Each structure stands twice: as structure tokens, then as C-alpha cells.
Amino acid sequence: MGGDMAATAVRVLVVDDSPVDRKVVELLLRNHKGGAAPFHVTTVDSGKKAMELLGLKGQGTPNSSASDDVNELTVDIVLTDYCMPEMTGYDLLKAIKTLSSPNPIPVVVMSSENEPQRISR
């Protein structure tokens, strides 16, 4: 079982429709030297793609491929933008929280907009 090094890395899923913002977050995490564990970063450009990677295909498009469970990604934390087309970061958060898991995945919703109502939600 040579997965010891991979187990120590913090597996982060970054979800953002902006290629620039996705790359900035990815580079910040990959180049971070402060913690003991490195970050293993996976990026996607939509909430729907994030749901597919996390095995949440039941919501959204009904056309699931033959490899239903093969491509599921195990992550330690999700960083998602709030404002994205089709599915907001808040909708993604709600979908992830419906997973019946004893250890729910922490989700950080990011936004550059200062909207108090959105922040309080």
C-alpha cells in the first residue's frame, strides 16, 4: 500500500467558471509552504462537473455514463465560487451537504461581491 504520501496531502477541489480565478487559487495552494501537508488540487469550471466528480450525478443531467462509480473523486475540502452559470456555489454547497456521509466535506464559498444578504446566508 504505497498510498501513504497521497494520504498526507490535503485534497482540494476548486470550482470556478473563471479560468484566471481557478488558476490563481490553484497556484496559491500548490505553492503554499506554510503547512506540513501539501495540497493536491483538482479544478473544474462548473458546479455540475464538481457534482459528477463527487458522484452526485443523480441531480441535474440524467445521462450518466457507464463508469458511474469509477471517476468519483475523494476530496478533503471544496473551494467554490458563488457566482457561476447554471449552478451557484450555494447550490453546490447544498448538494454536497445532502450526501449521507459521517464526515461531510467542508465547503468554502468564495465571492468577490460584498453582498451582506448572501454573506449571512
Protein backbone atom coordinates (compact mmCIF):
# COMPACT_ATOMS: atom_id res chain seq x y z
CA MET A 1 0.00 0.00 0.00
CA GLY A 2 2.14 2.81 -1.26
CA GLY A 3 -0.53 5.49 -0.80
CA ASP A 4 0.99 6.95 2.36
CA MET A 5 2.28 10.14 0.71
CA ALA A 6 -1.02 10.74 -1.09
CA ALA A 7 -2.92 10.32 2.18
CA THR A 8 -0.98 13.15 3.81
CA ALA A 9 -1.84 15.63 1.03
CA VAL A 10 -4.92 17.79 1.52
CA ARG A 11 -7.15 17.06 -1.49
CA VAL A 12 -8.81 20.28 -2.65
CA LEU A 13 -11.48 20.63 -5.34
CA VAL A 14 -11.56 24.17 -6.78
CA VAL A 15 -14.77 25.11 -8.62
CA ASP A 16 -14.83 28.38 -10.57
CA ASP A 17 -16.09 29.34 -14.02
CA SER A 18 -13.30 31.92 -14.41
CA PRO A 19 -10.10 30.35 -15.81
CA VAL A 20 -7.99 33.13 -14.28
CA ASP A 21 -9.50 32.77 -10.81
CA ARG A 22 -9.20 28.98 -10.97
CA LYS A 23 -5.51 29.24 -11.89
CA VAL A 24 -4.79 31.83 -9.16
CA VAL A 25 -6.32 29.64 -6.44
CA GLU A 26 -4.56 26.55 -7.81
CA LEU A 27 -1.16 28.27 -7.87
CA LEU A 28 -1.63 29.73 -4.38
CA LEU A 29 -2.42 26.28 -2.99
CA ARG A 30 0.31 24.44 -4.90
CA ASN A 31 2.97 26.99 -3.88
CA HIS A 32 1.88 27.25 -0.24
CA LYS A 33 4.79 26.36 2.05
CA GLY A 34 3.26 27.07 5.47
CA GLY A 35 1.64 23.75 6.32
CA ALA A 36 3.14 20.32 6.84
CA ALA A 37 0.92 18.68 4.22
CA PRO A 38 0.98 19.65 0.55
CA PHE A 39 -2.20 20.37 -1.39
CA HIS A 40 -3.39 18.07 -4.17
CA VAL A 41 -5.52 20.39 -6.34
CA THR A 42 -8.22 19.42 -8.83
CA THR A 43 -10.03 22.18 -10.72
CA VAL A 44 -13.33 22.23 -12.61
CA ASP A 45 -15.24 25.06 -14.27
CA SER A 46 -18.81 24.35 -13.11
CA GLY A 47 -20.88 23.06 -10.25
CA LYS A 48 -22.23 20.29 -12.46
CA LYS A 49 -18.72 19.00 -13.19
CA ALA A 50 -17.92 19.13 -9.48
CA MET A 51 -21.04 17.09 -8.72
CA GLU A 52 -20.06 14.49 -11.32
CA LEU A 53 -16.57 14.17 -9.82
CA LEU A 54 -18.06 13.78 -6.35
CA GLY A 55 -20.53 11.13 -7.50
CA LEU A 56 -23.61 13.37 -7.27
CA LYS A 57 -24.87 12.64 -10.80
CA GLY A 58 -28.41 11.95 -9.62
CA GLN A 59 -29.15 15.67 -9.67
CA GLY A 60 -29.02 17.54 -12.95
CA THR A 61 -28.45 15.65 -16.17
CA PRO A 62 -29.93 12.14 -16.28
CA ASN A 63 -27.47 10.79 -18.88
CA SER A 64 -24.96 9.04 -16.67
CA SER A 65 -22.15 7.18 -18.33
CA ALA A 66 -21.28 3.50 -17.91
CA SER A 67 -18.49 4.39 -15.47
CA ASP A 68 -20.79 5.65 -12.70
CA ASP A 69 -18.58 4.97 -9.68
CA VAL A 70 -15.17 4.79 -11.37
CA ASN A 71 -14.48 8.51 -11.68
CA GLU A 72 -15.58 9.56 -8.19
CA LEU A 73 -13.05 11.89 -6.60
CA THR A 74 -12.25 11.82 -2.90
CA VAL A 75 -11.67 15.34 -1.57
CA ASP A 76 -10.98 16.87 1.83
CA ILE A 77 -12.37 20.34 1.06
CA VAL A 78 -14.20 22.16 -1.73
CA LEU A 79 -13.46 25.79 -2.61
CA THR A 80 -16.17 27.18 -4.87
CA ASP A 81 -17.06 30.50 -6.42
CA TYR A 82 -20.57 31.74 -5.63
CA CYS A 83 -21.49 33.30 -8.98
CA MET A 84 -21.42 30.69 -11.73
CA PRO A 85 -23.84 30.00 -14.58
CA GLU A 86 -26.38 27.16 -14.24
CA MET A 87 -25.49 26.38 -10.62
CA THR A 88 -24.31 28.76 -7.92
CA GLY A 89 -21.73 27.85 -5.31
CA TYR A 90 -24.54 27.89 -2.73
CA ASP A 91 -26.49 25.30 -4.76
CA LEU A 92 -23.34 23.16 -4.93
CA LEU A 93 -22.91 23.52 -1.16
CA LYS A 94 -26.50 22.32 -0.59
CA ALA A 95 -25.98 19.34 -2.94
CA ILE A 96 -22.76 18.32 -1.16
CA LYS A 97 -24.42 18.63 2.25
CA THR A 98 -27.15 16.16 1.17
CA LEU A 99 -24.53 13.40 0.93
CA SER A 100 -25.18 10.89 3.69
CA SER A 101 -21.64 10.82 4.97
CA PRO A 102 -20.45 10.55 8.56
CA ASN A 103 -17.72 13.09 7.72
CA PRO A 104 -19.26 15.77 5.49
CA ILE A 105 -16.91 17.56 3.09
CA PRO A 106 -16.17 21.13 4.23
CA VAL A 107 -17.15 23.71 1.60
CA VAL A 108 -15.82 27.27 1.36
CA VAL A 109 -17.93 29.54 -0.85
CA MET A 110 -15.93 32.45 -2.26
CA SER A 111 -17.22 35.69 -3.75
CA SER A 112 -15.66 38.99 -4.70
CA GLU A 113 -19.02 40.74 -4.31
CA ASN A 114 -19.83 42.36 -0.99
CA GLU A 115 -23.49 41.41 -0.58
CA PRO A 116 -24.49 41.20 3.12
CA GLN A 117 -27.60 39.07 2.40
CA ARG A 118 -25.55 36.50 0.51
CA ILE A 119 -22.83 36.51 3.19
CA SER A 120 -25.32 35.91 6.01
CA ARG A 121 -26.91 33.01 4.10
